[in-house]
């Protein structure tokens, strides 16, 4: 079962789509069982309606919660990019200062030789 779920997640680029299809697949199976049972027991449409409502609420929760996570992931990614840029700037500054220092040392060595 775990391999099939992993294959489904790899098939869909978006995890939300895979989870939604899983929720509604189970809901359809539950409907296939509870509709004939509700007709036999004359309990009405309470169980099928509860199944559809549960699947709808689950789907909404999956899509809404992932939006919040993607926004926070986007902000974290921006912070990482800013930090990487700052590090690159610092490396440039240090390497240019190091080059200037080496040039001054060479000039001093050449001055000492004269």
PDB file of N, CA and C in Angstrom:
ATOM      1  N   UNK A   1       0.822  -1.186   0.000  1.00  0.00           N
ATOM      2  CA  UNK A   1       0.000   0.000   0.000  1.00  0.00           C
ATOM      3  C   UNK A   1       0.869   1.256   0.000  1.00  0.00           C
ATOM      4  N   UNK A   2       1.976   1.230   0.751  1.00  0.00           N
ATOM      5  CA  UNK A   2       2.866   2.370   0.813  1.00  0.00           C
ATOM      6  C   UNK A   2       3.531   2.652  -0.520  1.00  0.00           C
ATOM      7  N   UNK A   3       3.869   1.582  -1.254  1.00  0.00           N
ATOM      8  CA  UNK A   3       4.506   1.759  -2.560  1.00  0.00           C
ATOM      9  C   UNK A   3       3.539   2.387  -3.547  1.00  0.00           C
ATOM     10  N   UNK A   4       2.269   1.981  -3.476  1.00  0.00           N
ATOM     11  CA  UNK A   4       1.277   2.534  -4.388  1.00  0.00           C
ATOM     12  C   UNK A   4       1.060   4.025  -4.100  1.00  0.00           C
ATOM     13  N   UNK A   5       1.011   4.385  -2.813  1.00  0.00           N
ATOM     14  CA  UNK A   5       0.841   5.783  -2.454  1.00  0.00           C
ATOM     15  C   UNK A   5       2.039   6.602  -2.916  1.00  0.00           C
ATOM     16  N   UNK A   6       3.236   6.067  -2.748  1.00  0.00           N
ATOM     17  CA  UNK A   6       4.438   6.764  -3.194  1.00  0.00           C
ATOM     18  C   UNK A   6       4.423   6.937  -4.710  1.00  0.00           C
ATOM     19  N   UNK A   7       3.964   5.903  -5.428  1.00  0.00           N
ATOM     20  CA  UNK A   7       3.872   5.983  -6.889  1.00  0.00           C
ATOM     21  C   UNK A   7       2.863   7.052  -7.292  1.00  0.00           C
ATOM     22  N   UNK A   8       1.718   7.116  -6.570  1.00  0.00           N
ATOM     23  CA  UNK A   8       0.720   8.142  -6.858  1.00  0.00           C
ATOM     24  C   UNK A   8       1.293   9.537  -6.639  1.00  0.00           C
ATOM     25  N   UNK A   9       2.064   9.708  -5.564  1.00  0.00           N
ATOM     26  CA  UNK A   9       2.626  11.018  -5.284  1.00  0.00           C
ATOM     27  C   UNK A   9       3.662  11.403  -6.326  1.00  0.00           C
ATOM     28  N   UNK A  10       4.420  10.433  -6.825  1.00  0.00           N
ATOM     29  CA  UNK A  10       5.391  10.726  -7.870  1.00  0.00           C
ATOM     30  C   UNK A  10       4.703  11.038  -9.190  1.00  0.00           C
ATOM     31  N   UNK A  11       3.550  10.402  -9.427  1.00  0.00           N
ATOM     32  CA  UNK A  11       2.818  10.617 -10.673  1.00  0.00           C
ATOM     33  C   UNK A  11       2.309  12.051 -10.738  1.00  0.00           C
ATOM     34  N   UNK A  12       1.842  12.560  -9.613  1.00  0.00           N
ATOM     35  CA  UNK A  12       1.348  13.936  -9.551  1.00  0.00           C
ATOM     36  C   UNK A  12       2.465  14.829  -9.028  1.00  0.00           C
ATOM     37  N   UNK A  13       2.680  15.945  -9.680  1.00  0.00           N
ATOM     38  CA  UNK A  13       3.693  16.891  -9.214  1.00  0.00           C
ATOM     39  C   UNK A  13       3.227  17.576  -7.930  1.00  0.00           C
ATOM     40  N   UNK A  14       1.932  17.789  -7.813  1.00  0.00           N
ATOM     41  CA  UNK A  14       1.373  18.474  -6.658  1.00  0.00           C
ATOM     42  C   UNK A  14       0.820  17.438  -5.679  1.00  0.00           C
ATOM     43  N   UNK A  15       1.272  17.486  -4.452  1.00  0.00           N
ATOM     44  CA  UNK A  15       0.829  16.530  -3.436  1.00  0.00           C
ATOM     45  C   UNK A  15      -0.660  16.705  -3.144  1.00  0.00           C
ATOM     46  N   UNK A  16      -1.148  17.926  -3.294  1.00  0.00           N
ATOM     47  CA  UNK A  16      -2.562  18.184  -3.024  1.00  0.00           C
ATOM     48  C   UNK A  16      -3.466  17.388  -3.964  1.00  0.00           C
ATOM     49  N   UNK A  17      -3.054  17.271  -5.218  1.00  0.00           N
ATOM     50  CA  UNK A  17      -3.856  16.527  -6.192  1.00  0.00           C
ATOM     51  C   UNK A  17      -3.904  15.051  -5.818  1.00  0.00           C
ATOM     52  N   UNK A  18      -2.766  14.502  -5.443  1.00  0.00           N
ATOM     53  CA  UNK A  18      -2.709  13.089  -5.063  1.00  0.00           C
ATOM     54  C   UNK A  18      -3.559  12.832  -3.814  1.00  0.00           C
ATOM     55  N   UNK A  19      -3.472  13.722  -2.838  1.00  0.00           N
ATOM     56  CA  UNK A  19      -4.237  13.554  -1.610  1.00  0.00           C
ATOM     57  C   UNK A  19      -5.729  13.695  -1.875  1.00  0.00           C
ATOM     58  N   UNK A  20      -6.098  14.647  -2.715  1.00  0.00           N
ATOM     59  CA  UNK A  20      -7.511  14.842  -3.045  1.00  0.00           C
ATOM     60  C   UNK A  20      -8.074  13.624  -3.767  1.00  0.00           C
ATOM     61  N   UNK A  21      -7.315  13.069  -4.695  1.00  0.00           N
ATOM     62  CA  UNK A  21      -7.804  11.885  -5.408  1.00  0.00           C
ATOM     63  C   UNK A  21      -7.941  10.702  -4.459  1.00  0.00           C
ATOM     64  N   UNK A  22      -7.044  10.623  -3.488  1.00  0.00           N
ATOM     65  CA  UNK A  22      -7.125   9.553  -2.482  1.00  0.00           C
ATOM     66  C   UNK A  22      -8.368   9.721  -1.603  1.00  0.00           C
ATOM     67  N   UNK A  23      -8.633  10.951  -1.156  1.00  0.00           N
ATOM     68  CA  UNK A  23      -9.811  11.223  -0.327  1.00  0.00           C
ATOM     69  C   UNK A  23     -11.089  10.845  -1.066  1.00  0.00           C
ATOM     70  N   UNK A  24     -11.205  11.301  -2.314  1.00  0.00           N
ATOM     71  CA  UNK A  24     -12.436  11.051  -3.050  1.00  0.00           C
ATOM     72  C   UNK A  24     -12.550   9.595  -3.508  1.00  0.00           C
ATOM     73  N   UNK A  25     -11.446   8.929  -3.704  1.00  0.00           N
ATOM     74  CA  UNK A  25     -11.496   7.494  -4.020  1.00  0.00           C
ATOM     75  C   UNK A  25     -12.066   6.697  -2.858  1.00  0.00           C
ATOM     76  N   UNK A  26     -11.614   7.041  -1.651  1.00  0.00           N
ATOM     77  CA  UNK A  26     -12.150   6.374  -0.467  1.00  0.00           C
ATOM     78  C   UNK A  26     -13.611   6.749  -0.252  1.00  0.00           C
ATOM     79  N   UNK A  27     -13.960   8.014  -0.506  1.00  0.00           N
ATOM     80  CA  UNK A  27     -15.343   8.459  -0.332  1.00  0.00           C
ATOM     81  C   UNK A  27     -16.286   7.725  -1.287  1.00  0.00           C
ATOM     82  N   UNK A  28     -15.846   7.518  -2.510  1.00  0.00           N
ATOM     83  CA  UNK A  28     -16.678   6.787  -3.474  1.00  0.00           C
ATOM     84  C   UNK A  28     -16.888   5.349  -3.013  1.00  0.00           C
ATOM     85  N   UNK A  29     -15.828   4.728  -2.491  1.00  0.00           N
ATOM     86  CA  UNK A  29     -15.967   3.379  -1.950  1.00  0.00           C
ATOM     87  C   UNK A  29     -16.938   3.336  -0.780  1.00  0.00           C
ATOM     88  N   UNK A  30     -16.861   4.331   0.082  1.00  0.00           N
ATOM     89  CA  UNK A  30     -17.789   4.393   1.214  1.00  0.00           C
ATOM     90  C   UNK A  30     -19.223   4.600   0.741  1.00  0.00           C
ATOM     91  N   UNK A  31     -19.401   5.428  -0.288  1.00  0.00           N
ATOM     92  CA  UNK A  31     -20.739   5.640  -0.843  1.00  0.00           C
ATOM     93  C   UNK A  31     -21.290   4.358  -1.458  1.00  0.00           C
ATOM     94  N   UNK A  32     -20.426   3.610  -2.117  1.00  0.00           N
ATOM     95  CA  UNK A  32     -20.863   2.352  -2.728  1.00  0.00           C
ATOM     96  C   UNK A  32     -21.361   1.367  -1.673  1.00  0.00           C
ATOM     97  N   UNK A  33     -20.812   1.462  -0.484  1.00  0.00           N
ATOM     98  CA  UNK A  33     -21.252   0.577   0.592  1.00  0.00           C
ATOM     99  C   UNK A  33     -22.468   1.132   1.320  1.00  0.00           C
ATOM    100  N   UNK A  34     -22.461   2.426   1.632  1.00  0.00           N
ATOM    101  CA  UNK A  34     -23.505   2.970   2.512  1.00  0.00           C
ATOM    102  C   UNK A  34     -24.823   3.282   1.803  1.00  0.00           C
ATOM    103  N   UNK A  35     -24.829   3.539   0.515  1.00  0.00           N
ATOM    104  CA  UNK A  35     -26.103   3.828  -0.170  1.00  0.00           C
ATOM    105  C   UNK A  35     -27.015   2.602  -0.171  1.00  0.00           C
ATOM    106  N   UNK A  36     -26.526   1.430  -0.556  1.00  0.00           N
ATOM    107  CA  UNK A  36     -27.420   0.263  -0.470  1.00  0.00           C
ATOM    108  C   UNK A  36     -27.829  -0.066   0.981  1.00  0.00           C
ATOM    109  N   UNK A  37     -26.903   0.133   1.924  1.00  0.00           N
ATOM    110  CA  UNK A  37     -27.238  -0.141   3.318  1.00  0.00           C
ATOM    111  C   UNK A  37     -28.287   0.826   3.851  1.00  0.00           C
ATOM    112  N   UNK A  38     -28.203   2.086   3.453  1.00  0.00           N
ATOM    113  CA  UNK A  38     -29.191   3.055   3.928  1.00  0.00           C
ATOM    114  C   UNK A  38     -30.561   2.780   3.311  1.00  0.00           C
ATOM    115  N   UNK A  39     -30.594   2.217   2.103  1.00  0.00           N
ATOM    116  CA  UNK A  39     -31.878   1.863   1.486  1.00  0.00           C
ATOM    117  C   UNK A  39     -32.503   0.668   2.205  1.00  0.00           C
ATOM    118  N   UNK A  40     -31.671  -0.286   2.615  1.00  0.00           N
ATOM    119  CA  UNK A  40     -32.179  -1.473   3.302  1.00  0.00           C
ATOM    120  C   UNK A  40     -32.639  -1.129   4.719  1.00  0.00           C
ATOM    121  N   UNK A  41     -31.853  -0.313   5.408  1.00  0.00           N
ATOM    122  CA  UNK A  41     -32.187   0.011   6.802  1.00  0.00           C
ATOM    123  C   UNK A  41     -33.154   1.169   6.910  1.00  0.00           C
ATOM    124  N   UNK A  42     -33.475   1.810   5.825  1.00  0.00           N
ATOM    125  CA  UNK A  42     -34.399   2.947   5.775  1.00  0.00           C
ATOM    126  C   UNK A  42     -33.953   4.066   6.721  1.00  0.00           C
ATOM    127  N   UNK A  43     -32.639   4.263   6.790  1.00  0.00           N
ATOM    128  CA  UNK A  43     -32.115   5.309   7.667  1.00  0.00           C
ATOM    129  C   UNK A  43     -32.027   6.656   6.948  1.00  0.00           C
ATOM    130  N   UNK A  44     -32.360   6.685   5.706  1.00  0.00           N
ATOM    131  CA  UNK A  44     -32.334   7.933   4.960  1.00  0.00           C
ATOM    132  C   UNK A  44     -30.977   8.189   4.342  1.00  0.00           C
ATOM    133  N   UNK A  45     -30.759   9.437   4.037  1.00  0.00           N
ATOM    134  CA  UNK A  45     -29.536   9.810   3.336  1.00  0.00           C
ATOM    135  C   UNK A  45     -28.515  10.434   4.267  1.00  0.00           C
ATOM    136  N   UNK A  46     -28.615  10.166   5.556  1.00  0.00           N
ATOM    137  CA  UNK A  46     -27.702  10.791   6.514  1.00  0.00           C
ATOM    138  C   UNK A  46     -26.266  10.314   6.309  1.00  0.00           C
ATOM    139  N   UNK A  47     -26.063   9.017   6.191  1.00  0.00           N
ATOM    140  CA  UNK A  47     -24.702   8.480   6.061  1.00  0.00           C
ATOM    141  C   UNK A  47     -24.058   8.893   4.732  1.00  0.00           C
ATOM    142  N   UNK A  48     -24.750   8.795   3.596  1.00  0.00           N
ATOM    143  CA  UNK A  48     -24.125   9.279   2.356  1.00  0.00           C
ATOM    144  C   UNK A  48     -23.804  10.773   2.387  1.00  0.00           C
ATOM    145  N   UNK A  49     -24.686  11.578   2.966  1.00  0.00           N
ATOM    146  CA  UNK A  49     -24.419  13.013   3.066  1.00  0.00           C
ATOM    147  C   UNK A  49     -23.220  13.286   3.981  1.00  0.00           C
ATOM    148  N   UNK A  50     -23.122  12.518   5.058  1.00  0.00           N
ATOM    149  CA  UNK A  50     -21.979  12.674   5.962  1.00  0.00           C
ATOM    150  C   UNK A  50     -20.676  12.297   5.248  1.00  0.00           C
ATOM    151  N   UNK A  51     -20.739  11.276   4.404  1.00  0.00           N
ATOM    152  CA  UNK A  51     -19.553  10.858   3.656  1.00  0.00           C
ATOM    153  C   UNK A  51     -19.115  11.955   2.686  1.00  0.00           C
ATOM    154  N   UNK A  52     -20.057  12.503   1.952  1.00  0.00           N
ATOM    155  CA  UNK A  52     -19.727  13.569   0.993  1.00  0.00           C
ATOM    156  C   UNK A  52     -19.227  14.815   1.717  1.00  0.00           C
ATOM    157  N   UNK A  53     -19.864  15.159   2.837  1.00  0.00           N
ATOM    158  CA  UNK A  53     -19.438  16.323   3.609  1.00  0.00           C
ATOM    159  C   UNK A  53     -18.025  16.126   4.157  1.00  0.00           C
ATOM    160  N   UNK A  54     -17.752  14.946   4.666  1.00  0.00           N
ATOM    161  CA  UNK A  54     -16.413  14.660   5.188  1.00  0.00           C
ATOM    162  C   UNK A  54     -15.352  14.753   4.113  1.00  0.00           C
ATOM    163  N   UNK A  55     -15.646  14.238   2.937  1.00  0.00           N
ATOM    164  CA  UNK A  55     -14.680  14.309   1.835  1.00  0.00           C
ATOM    165  C   UNK A  55     -14.465  15.753   1.395  1.00  0.00           C
ATOM    166  N   UNK A  56     -15.545  16.536   1.361  1.00  0.00           N
ATOM    167  CA  UNK A  56     -15.424  17.942   0.957  1.00  0.00           C
ATOM    168  C   UNK A  56     -14.612  18.738   1.976  1.00  0.00           C
ATOM    169  N   UNK A  57     -14.876  18.509   3.254  1.00  0.00           N
ATOM    170  CA  UNK A  57     -14.130  19.216   4.301  1.00  0.00           C
ATOM    171  C   UNK A  57     -12.656  18.798   4.275  1.00  0.00           C
ATOM    172  N   UNK A  58     -12.401  17.513   4.090  1.00  0.00           N
ATOM    173  CA  UNK A  58     -11.024  17.034   3.999  1.00  0.00           C
ATOM    174  C   UNK A  58     -10.283  17.643   2.824  1.00  0.00           C
ATOM    175  N   UNK A  59     -10.946  17.728   1.695  1.00  0.00           N
ATOM    176  CA  UNK A  59     -10.341  18.325   0.505  1.00  0.00           C
ATOM    177  C   UNK A  59     -10.016  19.799   0.741  1.00  0.00           C
ATOM    178  N   UNK A  60     -10.976  20.522   1.325  1.00  0.00           N
ATOM    179  CA  UNK A  60     -10.746  21.945   1.611  1.00  0.00           C
ATOM    180  C   UNK A  60      -9.579  22.117   2.580  1.00  0.00           C
ATOM    181  N   UNK A  61      -9.495  21.261   3.579  1.00  0.00           N
ATOM    182  CA  UNK A  61      -8.401  21.358   4.549  1.00  0.00           C
ATOM    183  C   UNK A  61      -7.049  21.102   3.890  1.00  0.00           C
ATOM    184  N   UNK A  62      -6.993  20.131   2.995  1.00  0.00           N
ATOM    185  CA  UNK A  62      -5.734  19.825   2.308  1.00  0.00           C
ATOM    186  C   UNK A  62      -5.287  21.018   1.461  1.00  0.00           C
ATOM    187  N   UNK A  63      -6.184  21.593   0.708  1.00  0.00           N
ATOM    188  CA  UNK A  63      -5.813  22.679  -0.191  1.00  0.00           C
ATOM    189  C   UNK A  63      -5.488  23.959   0.569  1.00  0.00           C
ATOM    190  N   UNK A  64      -6.199  24.236   1.660  1.00  0.00           N
ATOM    191  CA  UNK A  64      -5.927  25.452   2.422  1.00  0.00           C
ATOM    192  C   UNK A  64      -4.646  25.340   3.226  1.00  0.00           C
ATOM    193  N   UNK A  65      -4.396  24.193   3.833  1.00  0.00           N
ATOM    194  CA  UNK A  65      -3.201  24.055   4.665  1.00  0.00           C
ATOM    195  C   UNK A  65      -1.944  24.093   3.817  1.00  0.00           C
ATOM    196  N   UNK A  66      -1.990  23.542   2.617  1.00  0.00           N
ATOM    197  CA  UNK A  66      -0.805  23.540   1.767  1.00  0.00           C
ATOM    198  C   UNK A  66      -0.494  24.944   1.262  1.00  0.00           C
ATOM    199  N   UNK A  67      -1.516  25.789   1.066  1.00  0.00           N
ATOM    200  CA  UNK A  67      -1.267  27.169   0.648  1.00  0.00           C
ATOM    201  C   UNK A  67      -0.464  27.902   1.704  1.00  0.00           C
ATOM    202  N   UNK A  68      -0.783  27.694   2.963  1.00  0.00           N
ATOM    203  CA  UNK A  68      -0.055  28.350   4.049  1.00  0.00           C
ATOM    204  C   UNK A  68       1.394  27.864   4.078  1.00  0.00           C
ATOM    205  N   UNK A  69       1.588  26.564   3.871  1.00  0.00           N
ATOM    206  CA  UNK A  69       2.945  26.017   3.893  1.00  0.00           C
ATOM    207  C   UNK A  69       3.754  26.543   2.721  1.00  0.00           C
ATOM    208  N   UNK A  70       3.123  26.669   1.525  1.00  0.00           N
ATOM    209  CA  UNK A  70       3.885  27.142   0.380  1.00  0.00           C
ATOM    210  C   UNK A  70       4.293  28.597   0.556  1.00  0.00           C
ATOM    211  N   UNK A  71       3.447  29.394   1.199  1.00  0.00           N
ATOM    212  CA  UNK A  71       3.815  30.791   1.429  1.00  0.00           C
ATOM    213  C   UNK A  71       5.009  30.865   2.371  1.00  0.00           C
ATOM    214  N   UNK A  72       5.000  30.067   3.437  1.00  0.00           N
ATOM    215  CA  UNK A  72       6.118  30.106   4.369  1.00  0.00           C
ATOM    216  C   UNK A  72       7.376  29.535   3.723  1.00  0.00           C
ATOM    217  N   UNK A  73       7.238  28.513   2.880  1.00  0.00           N
ATOM    218  CA  UNK A  73       8.393  27.980   2.161  1.00  0.00           C
ATOM    219  C   UNK A  73       8.963  29.016   1.204  1.00  0.00           C
ATOM    220  N   UNK A  74       8.077  29.794   0.582  1.00  0.00           N
ATOM    221  CA  UNK A  74       8.521  30.826  -0.354  1.00  0.00           C
ATOM    222  C   UNK A  74       9.315  31.897   0.389  1.00  0.00           C
ATOM    223  N   UNK A  75       8.823  32.304   1.573  1.00  0.00           N
ATOM    224  CA  UNK A  75       9.542  33.304   2.356  1.00  0.00           C
ATOM    225  C   UNK A  75      10.893  32.764   2.824  1.00  0.00           C
ATOM    226  N   UNK A  76      10.924  31.512   3.241  1.00  0.00           N
ATOM    227  CA  UNK A  76      12.185  30.910   3.670  1.00  0.00           C
ATOM    228  C   UNK A  76      13.160  30.840   2.495  1.00  0.00           C
ATOM    229  N   UNK A  77      12.677  30.518   1.323  1.00  0.00           N
ATOM    230  CA  UNK A  77      13.532  30.454   0.136  1.00  0.00           C
ATOM    231  C   UNK A  77      14.089  31.833  -0.199  1.00  0.00           C
ATOM    232  N   UNK A  78      13.273  32.876  -0.045  1.00  0.00           N
ATOM    233  CA  UNK A  78      13.748  34.231  -0.302  1.00  0.00           C
ATOM    234  C   UNK A  78      14.854  34.612   0.677  1.00  0.00           C
ATOM    235  N   UNK A  79      14.675  34.251   1.947  1.00  0.00           N
ATOM    236  CA  UNK A  79      15.707  34.556   2.940  1.00  0.00           C
ATOM    237  C   UNK A  79      17.013  33.846   2.614  1.00  0.00           C
ATOM    238  N   UNK A  80      16.915  32.610   2.178  1.00  0.00           N
ATOM    239  CA  UNK A  80      18.119  31.859   1.807  1.00  0.00           C
ATOM    240  C   UNK A  80      18.821  32.528   0.631  1.00  0.00           C
ATOM    241  N   UNK A  81      18.057  32.957  -0.364  1.00  0.00           N
ATOM    242  CA  UNK A  81      18.662  33.613  -1.526  1.00  0.00           C
ATOM    243  C   UNK A  81      19.334  34.924  -1.133  1.00  0.00           C
ATOM    244  N   UNK A  82      18.710  35.677  -0.222  1.00  0.00           N
ATOM    245  CA  UNK A  82      19.310  36.933   0.240  1.00  0.00           C
ATOM    246  C   UNK A  82      20.609  36.655   0.975  1.00  0.00           C
ATOM    247  N   UNK A  83      20.606  35.637   1.836  1.00  0.00           N
ATOM    248  CA  UNK A  83      21.827  35.277   2.564  1.00  0.00           C
ATOM    249  C   UNK A  83      22.931  34.814   1.621  1.00  0.00           C
ATOM    250  N   UNK A  84      22.573  34.031   0.619  1.00  0.00           N
ATOM    251  CA  UNK A  84      23.573  33.586  -0.357  1.00  0.00           C
ATOM    252  C   UNK A  84      24.172  34.771  -1.108  1.00  0.00           C
ATOM    253  N   UNK A  85      23.342  35.744  -1.446  1.00  0.00           N
ATOM    254  CA  UNK A  85      23.834  36.933  -2.147  1.00  0.00           C
ATOM    255  C   UNK A  85      24.767  37.737  -1.249  1.00  0.00           C
ATOM    256  N   UNK A  86      24.414  37.856   0.025  1.00  0.00           N
ATOM    257  CA  UNK A  86      25.270  38.591   0.960  1.00  0.00           C
ATOM    258  C   UNK A  86      26.617  37.889   1.133  1.00  0.00           C
ATOM    259  N   UNK A  87      26.597  36.570   1.199  1.00  0.00           N
ATOM    260  CA  UNK A  87      27.847  35.814   1.328  1.00  0.00           C
ATOM    261  C   UNK A  87      28.713  36.016   0.088  1.00  0.00           C
ATOM    262  N   UNK A  88      28.081  35.990  -1.086  1.00  0.00           N
ATOM    263  CA  UNK A  88      28.836  36.206  -2.321  1.00  0.00           C
ATOM    264  C   UNK A  88      29.451  37.604  -2.337  1.00  0.00           C
ATOM    265  N   UNK A  89      28.690  38.607  -1.866  1.00  0.00           N
ATOM    266  CA  UNK A  89      29.226  39.967  -1.794  1.00  0.00           C
ATOM    267  C   UNK A  89      30.414  40.040  -0.839  1.00  0.00           C
ATOM    268  N   UNK A  90      30.290  39.395   0.320  1.00  0.00           N
ATOM    269  CA  UNK A  90      31.386  39.393   1.284  1.00  0.00           C
ATOM    270  C   UNK A  90      32.624  38.695   0.731  1.00  0.00           C
ATOM    271  N   UNK A  91      32.421  37.603   0.009  1.00  0.00           N
ATOM    272  CA  UNK A  91      33.550  36.907  -0.606  1.00  0.00           C
ATOM    273  C   UNK A  91      34.240  37.801  -1.629  1.00  0.00           C
ATOM    274  N   UNK A  92      33.465  38.557  -2.374  1.00  0.00           N
ATOM    275  CA  UNK A  92      34.038  39.477  -3.357  1.00  0.00           C
ATOM    276  C   UNK A  92      34.857  40.556  -2.663  1.00  0.00           C
ATOM    277  N   UNK A  93      34.323  41.094  -1.586  1.00  0.00           N
ATOM    278  CA  UNK A  93      35.031  42.134  -0.844  1.00  0.00           C
ATOM    279  C   UNK A  93      36.332  41.592  -0.273  1.00  0.00           C
ATOM    280  N   UNK A  94      36.262  40.429   0.343  1.00  0.00           N
ATOM    281  CA  UNK A  94      37.450  39.833   0.955  1.00  0.00           C
ATOM    282  C   UNK A  94      38.492  39.495  -0.094  1.00  0.00           C
ATOM    283  N   UNK A  95      38.077  38.941  -1.200  1.00  0.00           N
ATOM    284  CA  UNK A  95      39.058  38.565  -2.228  1.00  0.00           C
ATOM    285  C   UNK A  95      39.687  39.798  -2.855  1.00  0.00           C
ATOM    286  N   UNK A  96      38.929  40.875  -3.037  1.00  0.00           N
ATOM    287  CA  UNK A  96      39.526  42.088  -3.609  1.00  0.00           C
ATOM    288  C   UNK A  96      40.479  42.733  -2.606  1.00  0.00           C
ATOM    289  N   UNK A  97      40.134  42.734  -1.318  1.00  0.00           N
ATOM    290  CA  UNK A  97      41.041  43.254  -0.299  1.00  0.00           C
ATOM    291  C   UNK A  97      42.296  42.400  -0.226  1.00  0.00           C
ATOM    292  N   UNK A  98      42.144  41.114  -0.341  1.00  0.00           N
ATOM    293  CA  UNK A  98      43.278  40.206  -0.313  1.00  0.00           C
ATOM    294  C   UNK A  98      44.194  40.459  -1.507  1.00  0.00           C
ATOM    295  N   UNK A  99      43.608  40.697  -2.657  1.00  0.00           N
ATOM    296  CA  UNK A  99      44.399  40.985  -3.861  1.00  0.00           C
ATOM    297  C   UNK A  99      45.167  42.291  -3.680  1.00  0.00           C
ATOM    298  N   UNK A 100      44.493  43.334  -3.145  1.00  0.00           N
ATOM    299  CA  UNK A 100      45.153  44.615  -2.902  1.00  0.00           C
ATOM    300  C   UNK A 100      46.312  44.444  -1.920  1.00  0.00           C
ATOM    301  N   UNK A 101      46.106  43.649  -0.889  1.00  0.00           N
ATOM    302  CA  UNK A 101      47.155  43.409   0.097  1.00  0.00           C
ATOM    303  C   UNK A 101      48.344  42.702  -0.529  1.00  0.00           C
ATOM    304  N   UNK A 102      48.079  41.736  -1.375  1.00  0.00           N
ATOM    305  CA  UNK A 102      49.173  41.029  -2.045  1.00  0.00           C
ATOM    306  C   UNK A 102      49.965  41.970  -2.957  1.00  0.00           C
ATOM    307  N   UNK A 103      49.252  42.839  -3.655  1.00  0.00           N
ATOM    308  CA  UNK A 103      49.936  43.802  -4.534  1.00  0.00           C
ATOM    309  C   UNK A 103      50.832  44.741  -3.717  1.00  0.00           C
ATOM    310  N   UNK A 104      50.336  45.198  -2.569  1.00  0.00           N
ATOM    311  CA  UNK A 104      51.143  46.089  -1.721  1.00  0.00           C
ATOM    312  C   UNK A 104      52.372  45.357  -1.187  1.00  0.00           C
ATOM    313  N   UNK A 105      52.186  44.078  -0.826  1.00  0.00           N
ATOM    314  CA  UNK A 105      53.332  43.294  -0.337  1.00  0.00           C
ATOM    315  C   UNK A 105      54.373  43.113  -1.438  1.00  0.00           C
ATOM    316  N   UNK A 106      53.938  42.878  -2.651  1.00  0.00           N
ATOM    317  CA  UNK A 106      54.870  42.744  -3.779  1.00  0.00           C
ATOM    318  C   UNK A 106      55.625  44.043  -4.016  1.00  0.00           C
ATOM    319  N   UNK A 107      54.906  45.160  -3.912  1.00  0.00           N
ATOM    320  CA  UNK A 107      55.556  46.449  -4.106  1.00  0.00           C
ATOM    321  C   UNK A 107      56.582  46.699  -3.012  1.00  0.00           C
ATOM    322  N   UNK A 108      56.243  46.322  -1.777  1.00  0.00           N
ATOM    323  CA  UNK A 108      57.197  46.487  -0.685  1.00  0.00           C
ATOM    324  C   UNK A 108      58.427  45.602  -0.881  1.00  0.00           C
ATOM    325  N   UNK A 109      58.216  44.377  -1.347  1.00  0.00           N
ATOM    326  CA  UNK A 109      59.347  43.468  -1.599  1.00  0.00           C
ATOM    327  C   UNK A 109      60.230  44.018  -2.708  1.00  0.00           C
ATOM    328  N   UNK A 110      59.621  44.556  -3.745  1.00  0.00           N
ATOM    329  CA  UNK A 110      60.398  45.121  -4.841  1.00  0.00           C
ATOM    330  C   UNK A 110      61.138  46.370  -4.387  1.00  0.00           C
ATOM    331  N   UNK A 111      60.526  47.150  -3.498  1.00  0.00           N
ATOM    332  CA  UNK A 111      61.169  48.345  -2.958  1.00  0.00           C
ATOM    333  C   UNK A 111      62.354  47.986  -2.087  1.00  0.00           C
ATOM    334  N   UNK A 112      62.232  46.883  -1.343  1.00  0.00           N
ATOM    335  CA  UNK A 112      63.338  46.440  -0.482  1.00  0.00           C
ATOM    336  C   UNK A 112      64.517  45.955  -1.318  1.00  0.00           C
ATOM    337  N   UNK A 113      64.269  45.380  -2.464  1.00  0.00           N
ATOM    338  CA  UNK A 113      65.332  44.865  -3.326  1.00  0.00           C
ATOM    339  C   UNK A 113      66.140  45.981  -3.962  1.00  0.00           C
ATOM    340  N   UNK A 114      65.497  47.102  -4.164  1.00  0.00           N
ATOM    341  CA  UNK A 114      66.198  48.216  -4.821  1.00  0.00           C
ATOM    342  C   UNK A 114      67.099  48.840  -3.877  1.00  0.00           C
TER     343      UNK A 114
END
